[in-house]
Amino acid sequence: MTIFETMRPHFESLTQRQREIARLLVSGMTNLEVAGQLCISVHTIKAHRAEIMSRMQVNSFAELVNQFNRLTPPLPLTTPLHVIVVEDDEWYRDYLTDNLNERGYSSIGVVDGEGLRAAWAQKPADVVILDIELGQGKENGLALATRILSNCPCGIIMVTAKGAQDERLEGLSTGADAYFAKPVNIDELSITITNLARRLR
């Protein structure tokens, strides 16, 4: 029996609402954000989360993400999702793009808004990953997200070193699809991009 065949019954034991909550949580949303989107209480989300982890037979949220990642069909290799990573830290930019390329995405990195414009002119992105802080004197990720979404239909994922709740909500209020605090869990990021791909394509 394959790993997929072993895990599938656990997934199918979830109710439709639990599957919906699980998908939102593994996409990077907090309990509070999921509660707001589904118009239910945070207490209810926490109760569902505990039941989801029990039924999926996992001991940590990272394990849950990995389970969902394995149950998610891979992107077609003939049409890889194109991702532009806007990150001023060279090491972290390369870390994200290298890991995404290894997972079958077509990913390139740029340092700022000017680089994004140039890369976009060559090939528009399906998903843009934006660091909120792009250096002194540079257009920040929040401003870039607002400008991108006013002109182009694409997925937006915000990344920051801070992770403050107010900043997270501000990022999502611009229209961003997900928000991650560094260090980013690559498995969580990958499943978020895959979920966006389903919506965009």
C-alpha atoms as a PDB file:
ATOM      1  CA  MET A   1       0.000   0.000   0.000  1.00  0.00           C
ATOM      2  CA  THR A   2       1.373   3.440  -0.974  1.00  0.00           C
ATOM      3  CA  ILE A   3       1.663   6.428   1.380  1.00  0.00           C
ATOM      4  CA  PHE A   4      -1.140   8.093  -0.574  1.00  0.00           C
ATOM      5  CA  GLU A   5      -3.431   5.070  -0.118  1.00  0.00           C
ATOM      6  CA  THR A   6      -2.613   5.012   3.601  1.00  0.00           C
ATOM      7  CA  MET A   7      -3.415   8.700   4.154  1.00  0.00           C
ATOM      8  CA  ARG A   8      -6.445   9.002   1.896  1.00  0.00           C
ATOM      9  CA  PRO A   9      -8.916   7.332   4.325  1.00  0.00           C
ATOM     10  CA  HIS A  10      -7.845   9.761   7.069  1.00  0.00           C
ATOM     11  CA  PHE A  11      -8.550  12.704   4.763  1.00  0.00           C
ATOM     12  CA  GLU A  12     -11.910  11.275   3.695  1.00  0.00           C
ATOM     13  CA  SER A  13     -12.906  10.890   7.359  1.00  0.00           C
ATOM     14  CA  LEU A  14     -12.952  14.698   7.662  1.00  0.00           C
ATOM     15  CA  THR A  15     -16.233  16.537   7.257  1.00  0.00           C
ATOM     16  CA  GLN A  16     -16.579  19.023   4.402  1.00  0.00           C
ATOM     17  CA  ARG A  17     -16.235  21.909   6.873  1.00  0.00           C
ATOM     18  CA  GLN A  18     -13.109  20.363   8.415  1.00  0.00           C
ATOM     19  CA  ARG A  19     -11.523  19.986   4.972  1.00  0.00           C
ATOM     20  CA  GLU A  20     -12.294  23.630   4.240  1.00  0.00           C
ATOM     21  CA  ILE A  21     -10.784  24.758   7.571  1.00  0.00           C
ATOM     22  CA  ALA A  22      -7.715  22.553   7.089  1.00  0.00           C
ATOM     23  CA  ARG A  23      -7.044  23.941   3.602  1.00  0.00           C
ATOM     24  CA  LEU A  24      -7.278  27.523   4.871  1.00  0.00           C
ATOM     25  CA  LEU A  25      -4.990  26.816   7.828  1.00  0.00           C
ATOM     26  CA  VAL A  26      -2.302  25.097   5.768  1.00  0.00           C
ATOM     27  CA  SER A  27      -2.427  27.976   3.266  1.00  0.00           C
ATOM     28  CA  GLY A  28      -0.956  30.199   5.993  1.00  0.00           C
ATOM     29  CA  MET A  29      -4.037  31.783   7.568  1.00  0.00           C
ATOM     30  CA  THR A  30      -4.332  32.146  11.353  1.00  0.00           C
ATOM     31  CA  ASN A  31      -7.200  30.804  13.475  1.00  0.00           C
ATOM     32  CA  LEU A  32      -8.557  34.359  13.712  1.00  0.00           C
ATOM     33  CA  GLU A  33      -8.432  34.910   9.941  1.00  0.00           C
ATOM     34  CA  VAL A  34     -10.104  31.583   9.187  1.00  0.00           C
ATOM     35  CA  ALA A  35     -12.802  32.334  11.767  1.00  0.00           C
ATOM     36  CA  GLY A  36     -13.437  35.708  10.150  1.00  0.00           C
ATOM     37  CA  GLN A  37     -13.634  34.261   6.648  1.00  0.00           C
ATOM     38  CA  LEU A  38     -16.014  31.467   7.648  1.00  0.00           C
ATOM     39  CA  CYS A  39     -18.007  33.596  10.114  1.00  0.00           C
ATOM     40  CA  ILE A  40     -17.500  31.234  13.059  1.00  0.00           C
ATOM     41  CA  SER A  41     -15.723  31.636  16.398  1.00  0.00           C
ATOM     42  CA  VAL A  42     -12.007  31.137  17.032  1.00  0.00           C
ATOM     43  CA  HIS A  43     -12.973  28.587  19.690  1.00  0.00           C
ATOM     44  CA  THR A  44     -14.785  26.559  17.021  1.00  0.00           C
ATOM     45  CA  ILE A  45     -11.757  26.759  14.714  1.00  0.00           C
ATOM     46  CA  LYS A  46      -9.488  25.491  17.505  1.00  0.00           C
ATOM     47  CA  ALA A  47     -11.855  22.607  18.229  1.00  0.00           C
ATOM     48  CA  HIS A  48     -11.993  21.660  14.540  1.00  0.00           C
ATOM     49  CA  ARG A  49      -8.198  21.968  14.275  1.00  0.00           C
ATOM     50  CA  ALA A  50      -7.694  19.503  17.137  1.00  0.00           C
ATOM     51  CA  GLU A  51     -10.188  17.076  15.595  1.00  0.00           C
ATOM     52  CA  ILE A  52      -8.558  17.411  12.159  1.00  0.00           C
ATOM     53  CA  MET A  53      -5.120  16.570  13.574  1.00  0.00           C
ATOM     54  CA  SER A  54      -6.585  13.615  15.454  1.00  0.00           C
ATOM     55  CA  ARG A  55      -8.355  12.194  12.398  1.00  0.00           C
ATOM     56  CA  MET A  56      -5.301  12.756  10.186  1.00  0.00           C
ATOM     57  CA  GLN A  57      -3.197  11.046  12.892  1.00  0.00           C
ATOM     58  CA  VAL A  58      -0.554  13.787  13.122  1.00  0.00           C
ATOM     59  CA  ASN A  59       1.134  15.263  16.194  1.00  0.00           C
ATOM     60  CA  SER A  60       2.098  18.686  14.842  1.00  0.00           C
ATOM     61  CA  PHE A  61       0.864  21.306  12.400  1.00  0.00           C
ATOM     62  CA  ALA A  62       3.972  20.756  10.227  1.00  0.00           C
ATOM     63  CA  GLU A  63       2.973  17.094   9.857  1.00  0.00           C
ATOM     64  CA  LEU A  64      -0.529  18.167   8.848  1.00  0.00           C
ATOM     65  CA  VAL A  65       0.919  20.442   6.145  1.00  0.00           C
ATOM     66  CA  ASN A  66       3.060  17.585   4.843  1.00  0.00           C
ATOM     67  CA  GLN A  67       0.036  15.275   4.728  1.00  0.00           C
ATOM     68  CA  PHE A  68      -1.993  17.785   2.723  1.00  0.00           C
ATOM     69  CA  ASN A  69       0.991  18.463   0.459  1.00  0.00           C
ATOM     70  CA  ARG A  70       1.209  14.759  -0.387  1.00  0.00           C
ATOM     71  CA  LEU A  71      -2.531  14.566  -0.997  1.00  0.00           C
ATOM     72  CA  THR A  72      -2.380  17.569  -3.342  1.00  0.00           C
ATOM     73  CA  PRO A  73      -1.931  16.631  -7.015  1.00  0.00           C
ATOM     74  CA  PRO A  74       1.361  18.013  -8.378  1.00  0.00           C
ATOM     75  CA  LEU A  75       1.373  20.792 -10.926  1.00  0.00           C
ATOM     76  CA  PRO A  76       1.571  19.584 -14.541  1.00  0.00           C
ATOM     77  CA  LEU A  77       5.239  19.552 -15.516  1.00  0.00           C
ATOM     78  CA  THR A  78       4.366  20.762 -19.017  1.00  0.00           C
ATOM     79  CA  THR A  79       2.986  24.044 -17.670  1.00  0.00           C
ATOM     80  CA  PRO A  80       4.843  24.940 -14.466  1.00  0.00           C
ATOM     81  CA  LEU A  81       3.449  27.821 -12.459  1.00  0.00           C
ATOM     82  CA  HIS A  82       5.607  30.929 -12.919  1.00  0.00           C
ATOM     83  CA  VAL A  83       6.597  32.560  -9.614  1.00  0.00           C
ATOM     84  CA  ILE A  84       8.503  35.825  -9.103  1.00  0.00           C
ATOM     85  CA  VAL A  85      10.131  36.253  -5.682  1.00  0.00           C
ATOM     86  CA  VAL A  86      10.738  39.877  -4.635  1.00  0.00           C
ATOM     87  CA  GLU A  87      13.285  39.751  -1.794  1.00  0.00           C
ATOM     88  CA  ASP A  88      16.171  42.142  -1.061  1.00  0.00           C
ATOM     89  CA  ASP A  89      18.182  39.578   0.923  1.00  0.00           C
ATOM     90  CA  GLU A  90      20.204  37.697  -1.705  1.00  0.00           C
ATOM     91  CA  TRP A  91      20.668  34.525   0.359  1.00  0.00           C
ATOM     92  CA  TYR A  92      16.987  34.247   1.251  1.00  0.00           C
ATOM     93  CA  ARG A  93      15.912  35.078  -2.305  1.00  0.00           C
ATOM     94  CA  ASP A  94      18.076  32.251  -3.657  1.00  0.00           C
ATOM     95  CA  TYR A  95      16.838  29.923  -0.902  1.00  0.00           C
ATOM     96  CA  LEU A  96      13.202  30.452  -1.911  1.00  0.00           C
ATOM     97  CA  THR A  97      13.730  30.269  -5.676  1.00  0.00           C
ATOM     98  CA  ASP A  98      15.984  27.198  -5.486  1.00  0.00           C
ATOM     99  CA  ASN A  99      13.488  25.299  -3.332  1.00  0.00           C
ATOM    100  CA  LEU A 100      10.542  26.278  -5.519  1.00  0.00           C
ATOM    101  CA  ASN A 101      12.368  25.265  -8.700  1.00  0.00           C
ATOM    102  CA  GLU A 102      13.175  21.895  -7.131  1.00  0.00           C
ATOM    103  CA  ARG A 103       9.435  21.403  -6.554  1.00  0.00           C
ATOM    104  CA  GLY A 104       8.591  21.948 -10.218  1.00  0.00           C
ATOM    105  CA  TYR A 105       7.774  25.653 -10.302  1.00  0.00           C
ATOM    106  CA  SER A 106       9.331  28.147 -12.714  1.00  0.00           C
ATOM    107  CA  SER A 107      10.747  30.620 -10.196  1.00  0.00           C
ATOM    108  CA  ILE A 108      13.001  33.662 -10.523  1.00  0.00           C
ATOM    109  CA  GLY A 109      14.115  36.212  -7.919  1.00  0.00           C
ATOM    110  CA  VAL A 110      14.392  39.998  -8.081  1.00  0.00           C
ATOM    111  CA  VAL A 111      15.564  42.528  -5.531  1.00  0.00           C
ATOM    112  CA  ASP A 112      12.871  45.247  -5.693  1.00  0.00           C
ATOM    113  CA  GLY A 113       9.939  46.787  -7.540  1.00  0.00           C
ATOM    114  CA  GLU A 114      12.072  47.812 -10.504  1.00  0.00           C
ATOM    115  CA  GLY A 115      13.297  44.256 -10.867  1.00  0.00           C
ATOM    116  CA  LEU A 116       9.722  43.011 -10.653  1.00  0.00           C
ATOM    117  CA  ARG A 117       8.637  45.325 -13.466  1.00  0.00           C
ATOM    118  CA  ALA A 118      11.499  44.132 -15.679  1.00  0.00           C
ATOM    119  CA  ALA A 119      10.840  40.452 -14.938  1.00  0.00           C
ATOM    120  CA  TRP A 120       7.108  40.920 -15.480  1.00  0.00           C
ATOM    121  CA  ALA A 121       7.730  42.522 -18.878  1.00  0.00           C
ATOM    122  CA  GLN A 122       9.630  39.399 -19.935  1.00  0.00           C
ATOM    123  CA  LYS A 123       7.086  36.945 -18.507  1.00  0.00           C
ATOM    124  CA  PRO A 124       4.058  37.782 -16.329  1.00  0.00           C
ATOM    125  CA  ALA A 125       3.871  35.821 -13.084  1.00  0.00           C
ATOM    126  CA  ASP A 126       1.089  33.528 -11.933  1.00  0.00           C
ATOM    127  CA  VAL A 127       2.129  34.176  -8.324  1.00  0.00           C
ATOM    128  CA  VAL A 128       4.317  36.901  -6.794  1.00  0.00           C
ATOM    129  CA  ILE A 129       5.998  36.392  -3.421  1.00  0.00           C
ATOM    130  CA  LEU A 130       6.677  39.788  -1.823  1.00  0.00           C
ATOM    131  CA  ASP A 131       8.907  40.652   1.112  1.00  0.00           C
ATOM    132  CA  ILE A 132       7.207  43.540   2.920  1.00  0.00           C
ATOM    133  CA  GLU A 133      10.451  45.354   3.779  1.00  0.00           C
ATOM    134  CA  LEU A 134      12.591  45.907   0.673  1.00  0.00           C
ATOM    135  CA  GLY A 135      15.210  48.281   2.036  1.00  0.00           C
ATOM    136  CA  GLN A 136      15.341  51.989   2.805  1.00  0.00           C
ATOM    137  CA  GLY A 137      14.048  54.188   0.014  1.00  0.00           C
ATOM    138  CA  LYS A 138      12.473  51.254  -1.826  1.00  0.00           C
ATOM    139  CA  GLU A 139       8.780  50.731  -2.559  1.00  0.00           C
ATOM    140  CA  ASN A 140       7.638  48.227   0.079  1.00  0.00           C
ATOM    141  CA  GLY A 141       5.763  45.002  -0.496  1.00  0.00           C
ATOM    142  CA  LEU A 142       2.412  46.407   0.627  1.00  0.00           C
ATOM    143  CA  ALA A 143       2.571  49.176  -1.979  1.00  0.00           C
ATOM    144  CA  LEU A 144       3.726  46.727  -4.640  1.00  0.00           C
ATOM    145  CA  ALA A 145       0.868  44.345  -3.848  1.00  0.00           C
ATOM    146  CA  THR A 146      -1.695  47.130  -4.185  1.00  0.00           C
ATOM    147  CA  ARG A 147      -0.226  48.243  -7.518  1.00  0.00           C
ATOM    148  CA  ILE A 148       0.061  44.721  -8.925  1.00  0.00           C
ATOM    149  CA  LEU A 149      -3.501  43.758  -8.046  1.00  0.00           C
ATOM    150  CA  SER A 150      -4.894  46.963  -9.537  1.00  0.00           C
ATOM    151  CA  ASN A 151      -3.458  45.990 -12.925  1.00  0.00           C
ATOM    152  CA  CYS A 152      -2.902  42.237 -13.067  1.00  0.00           C
ATOM    153  CA  PRO A 153      -4.830  39.158 -11.896  1.00  0.00           C
ATOM    154  CA  CYS A 154      -2.265  37.032 -10.078  1.00  0.00           C
ATOM    155  CA  GLY A 155      -1.690  35.389  -6.719  1.00  0.00           C
ATOM    156  CA  ILE A 156       0.082  37.433  -4.037  1.00  0.00           C
ATOM    157  CA  ILE A 157       1.937  35.929  -1.070  1.00  0.00           C
ATOM    158  CA  MET A 158       3.410  38.310   1.520  1.00  0.00           C
ATOM    159  CA  VAL A 159       6.537  37.484   3.543  1.00  0.00           C
ATOM    160  CA  THR A 160       8.041  39.387   6.484  1.00  0.00           C
ATOM    161  CA  ALA A 161      10.600  38.956   9.232  1.00  0.00           C
ATOM    162  CA  LYS A 162       8.250  40.548  11.775  1.00  0.00           C
ATOM    163  CA  GLY A 163       5.045  38.536  11.758  1.00  0.00           C
ATOM    164  CA  ALA A 164       3.072  41.075  13.822  1.00  0.00           C
ATOM    165  CA  GLN A 165      -0.697  40.504  13.720  1.00  0.00           C
ATOM    166  CA  ASP A 166      -1.478  44.091  12.639  1.00  0.00           C
ATOM    167  CA  GLU A 167       1.044  43.882   9.815  1.00  0.00           C
ATOM    168  CA  ARG A 168      -0.306  40.500   8.765  1.00  0.00           C
ATOM    169  CA  LEU A 169      -3.850  41.841   8.581  1.00  0.00           C
ATOM    170  CA  GLU A 170      -2.642  44.907   6.684  1.00  0.00           C
ATOM    171  CA  GLY A 171      -0.957  42.649   4.151  1.00  0.00           C
ATOM    172  CA  LEU A 172      -4.083  40.565   3.674  1.00  0.00           C
ATOM    173  CA  SER A 173      -6.228  43.702   3.418  1.00  0.00           C
ATOM    174  CA  THR A 174      -4.291  44.741   0.295  1.00  0.00           C
ATOM    175  CA  GLY A 175      -5.722  41.680  -1.412  1.00  0.00           C
ATOM    176  CA  ALA A 176      -2.848  39.293  -0.723  1.00  0.00           C
ATOM    177  CA  ASP A 177      -3.851  35.640  -0.734  1.00  0.00           C
ATOM    178  CA  ALA A 178      -1.546  34.501   2.079  1.00  0.00           C
ATOM    179  CA  TYR A 179       0.980  35.832   4.571  1.00  0.00           C
ATOM    180  CA  PHE A 180       4.080  34.102   5.981  1.00  0.00           C
ATOM    181  CA  ALA A 181       6.525  35.094   8.704  1.00  0.00           C
ATOM    182  CA  LYS A 182      10.178  34.169   8.218  1.00  0.00           C
ATOM    183  CA  PRO A 183      11.561  31.587   8.299  1.00  0.00           C
ATOM    184  CA  VAL A 184       9.072  30.333   5.736  1.00  0.00           C
ATOM    185  CA  ASN A 185       8.156  26.662   5.848  1.00  0.00           C
ATOM    186  CA  ILE A 186       8.738  25.586   2.243  1.00  0.00           C
ATOM    187  CA  ASP A 187       6.141  22.809   2.428  1.00  0.00           C
ATOM    188  CA  GLU A 188       3.473  25.279   3.591  1.00  0.00           C
ATOM    189  CA  LEU A 189       4.539  27.759   0.903  1.00  0.00           C
ATOM    190  CA  SER A 190       4.399  25.088  -1.789  1.00  0.00           C
ATOM    191  CA  ILE A 191       0.888  23.939  -0.898  1.00  0.00           C
ATOM    192  CA  THR A 192      -0.282  27.574  -0.794  1.00  0.00           C
ATOM    193  CA  ILE A 193       1.077  28.172  -4.301  1.00  0.00           C
ATOM    194  CA  THR A 194      -0.564  24.963  -5.518  1.00  0.00           C
ATOM    195  CA  ASN A 195      -3.916  26.050  -4.077  1.00  0.00           C
ATOM    196  CA  LEU A 196      -3.550  29.411  -5.811  1.00  0.00           C
ATOM    197  CA  ALA A 197      -2.759  27.611  -9.055  1.00  0.00           C
ATOM    198  CA  ARG A 198      -6.090  25.806  -8.889  1.00  0.00           C
ATOM    199  CA  ARG A 199      -7.921  29.103  -8.514  1.00  0.00           C
ATOM    200  CA  LEU A 200      -5.933  30.970 -11.162  1.00  0.00           C
ATOM    201  CA  ARG A 201      -6.019  28.239 -13.794  1.00  0.00           C
END
